[in-house]
Amino acid sequence: MESSNLINTGLNDTGFHTGLANIRQRLLHAYGTHAEIITEVNGQYFKVLINI
């Protein structure tokens, strides 16, 4: 699965910022070493790639 979104400018900075850590933990518990999550910044976009 791949998702790409504009980077948060901090103007609407709500939440606890634990989403990616939570997803990493869930993938680890469900799939072990068979899953990976890759994040990158490309210009003004933040990209997440999940491979299972």
Protein backbone atom coordinates (compact mmCIF):
# COMPACT_ATOMS: atom_id res chain seq x y z
CA MET A 1 0.00 0.00 0.00
CA GLU A 2 1.30 3.46 -0.81
CA SER A 3 0.06 6.86 0.35
CA SER A 4 1.37 10.33 -0.45
CA ASN A 5 0.14 13.54 1.18
CA LEU A 6 1.20 17.16 1.50
CA ILE A 7 3.46 17.70 4.48
CA ASN A 8 1.76 19.08 7.58
CA THR A 9 2.71 22.73 8.00
CA GLY A 10 1.91 22.65 11.72
CA LEU A 11 -0.97 25.11 11.38
CA ASN A 12 -3.46 22.44 12.46
CA ASP A 13 -1.25 20.44 14.80
CA THR A 14 -3.74 18.18 16.60
CA GLY A 15 -3.31 14.66 17.88
CA PHE A 16 -0.57 12.76 19.67
CA HIS A 17 1.72 12.04 16.65
CA THR A 18 1.83 8.31 17.36
CA GLY A 19 0.16 7.03 14.19
CA LEU A 20 3.23 5.69 12.37
CA ALA A 21 4.66 4.11 15.52
CA ASN A 22 1.30 2.44 16.15
CA ILE A 23 1.16 1.06 12.60
CA ARG A 24 4.75 -0.23 12.87
CA GLN A 25 3.90 -2.09 16.09
CA ARG A 26 0.72 -3.58 14.62
CA LEU A 27 2.58 -4.78 11.52
CA LEU A 28 5.32 -6.31 13.68
CA HIS A 29 2.81 -8.19 15.83
CA ALA A 30 0.74 -9.38 12.86
CA TYR A 31 3.43 -10.19 10.28
CA GLY A 32 6.80 -10.19 12.06
CA THR A 33 9.69 -9.68 9.67
CA HIS A 34 7.45 -10.22 6.64
CA ALA A 35 6.22 -6.62 6.71
CA GLU A 36 8.00 -3.31 6.29
CA ILE A 37 6.99 0.33 6.43
CA ILE A 38 9.04 2.89 4.53
CA THR A 39 8.60 6.65 4.87
CA GLU A 40 10.18 9.44 2.87
CA VAL A 41 9.87 13.13 2.16
CA ASN A 42 9.81 14.10 -1.50
CA GLY A 43 9.58 17.87 -1.97
CA GLN A 44 6.35 19.00 -0.31
CA TYR A 45 5.00 15.45 0.06
CA PHE A 46 5.29 12.82 2.77
CA LYS A 47 5.12 9.28 1.40
CA VAL A 48 4.43 6.01 3.21
CA LEU A 49 4.92 2.58 1.61
CA ILE A 50 3.79 -0.61 3.38
CA ASN A 51 4.93 -3.97 2.03
CA ILE A 52 3.67 -7.30 3.35
